[in-house]
Amino acid sequence: MSDEIKRSVTIAGHRTSISLERPFWDALKELACSEKTSVNDLVRRIDAKRGGKGTLSAAVRVYVLNGMRNRTSGSCTT
């Protein structure tokens, strides 16, 4: 069982909540910091890019995964 943490963000002027596991919240904060933006603004951008497909939580997880992969690309080969 995962320990999801629910947090609220504002998108298009309304509050919505996102449930993510702590490692995803931590990585999202790190990515936002590296992009010199707030978590809320980053989530807004992720939401806009998903085009209504899937859930916002899933879109955030994929963004975080891709962000972490981009940071480590080239450091290992499989």
Protein backbone atom coordinates (compact mmCIF):
# COMPACT_ATOMS: atom_id res chain seq x y z
CA MET A 1 0.00 0.00 0.00
CA SER A 2 1.38 3.38 -0.96
CA ASP A 3 1.40 6.37 1.35
CA GLU A 4 0.07 9.08 -0.89
CA ILE A 5 0.09 12.71 0.21
CA LYS A 6 -2.73 14.92 -1.03
CA ARG A 7 -1.94 18.57 -1.76
CA SER A 8 -3.99 21.35 -3.30
CA VAL A 9 -2.94 23.42 -6.29
CA THR A 10 -4.67 26.20 -8.22
CA ILE A 11 -5.22 25.67 -11.93
CA ALA A 12 -7.18 28.12 -14.08
CA GLY A 13 -8.41 29.90 -10.97
CA HIS A 14 -9.79 26.87 -9.17
CA ARG A 15 -8.35 24.61 -6.49
CA THR A 16 -7.80 20.95 -7.19
CA SER A 17 -5.99 18.27 -5.24
CA ILE A 18 -3.29 15.87 -6.35
CA SER A 19 -2.30 12.69 -4.55
CA LEU A 20 1.31 11.60 -4.98
CA GLU A 21 3.77 9.53 -3.03
CA ARG A 22 6.38 11.49 -1.05
CA PRO A 23 9.27 10.72 -3.46
CA PHE A 24 7.26 12.21 -6.33
CA TRP A 25 6.46 15.37 -4.32
CA ASP A 26 10.14 15.69 -3.40
CA ALA A 27 11.28 15.25 -7.01
CA LEU A 28 8.61 17.66 -8.27
CA LYS A 29 9.84 20.31 -5.83
CA GLU A 30 13.42 19.70 -6.98
CA LEU A 31 12.45 20.03 -10.64
CA ALA A 32 10.47 23.21 -9.97
CA CYS A 33 13.45 24.69 -8.15
CA SER A 34 15.82 23.78 -10.98
CA GLU A 35 13.40 25.42 -13.44
CA LYS A 36 13.16 28.48 -11.18
CA THR A 37 9.40 28.20 -10.81
CA SER A 38 6.89 27.21 -8.15
CA VAL A 39 5.43 23.73 -7.80
CA ASN A 40 2.00 25.24 -8.51
CA ASP A 41 3.19 26.84 -11.77
CA LEU A 42 4.93 23.64 -12.82
CA VAL A 43 1.77 21.62 -12.18
CA ARG A 44 -0.20 24.17 -14.25
CA ARG A 45 2.18 23.63 -17.16
CA ILE A 46 1.97 19.85 -16.81
CA ASP A 47 -1.83 20.08 -16.77
CA ALA A 48 -1.88 22.23 -19.91
CA LYS A 49 0.40 19.81 -21.78
CA ARG A 50 -1.65 16.71 -20.95
CA GLY A 51 -4.59 18.05 -22.94
CA GLY A 52 -7.21 16.45 -20.71
CA LYS A 53 -5.80 12.97 -21.24
CA GLY A 54 -5.42 10.75 -18.19
CA THR A 55 -5.28 11.99 -14.63
CA LEU A 56 -3.28 14.95 -13.43
CA SER A 57 -1.50 12.76 -10.86
CA ALA A 58 -0.40 10.37 -13.61
CA ALA A 59 0.79 13.27 -15.77
CA VAL A 60 2.84 14.63 -12.87
CA ARG A 61 4.41 11.21 -12.23
CA VAL A 62 5.38 10.87 -15.92
CA TYR A 63 6.81 14.42 -15.92
CA VAL A 64 8.89 13.64 -12.83
CA LEU A 65 10.11 10.36 -14.30
CA ASN A 66 11.13 12.05 -17.54
CA GLY A 67 12.73 14.92 -15.64
CA MET A 68 14.82 12.57 -13.54
CA ARG A 69 15.78 10.52 -16.60
CA ASN A 70 16.93 13.67 -18.42
CA ARG A 71 19.10 14.62 -15.45
CA THR A 72 20.84 11.26 -15.44
CA SER A 73 20.93 10.55 -19.19
CA GLY A 74 24.33 9.54 -20.33
CA SER A 75 25.47 8.41 -16.91
CA CYS A 76 24.56 4.74 -17.46
CA THR A 77 24.07 2.50 -20.44
CA THR A 78 21.93 -0.61 -20.60
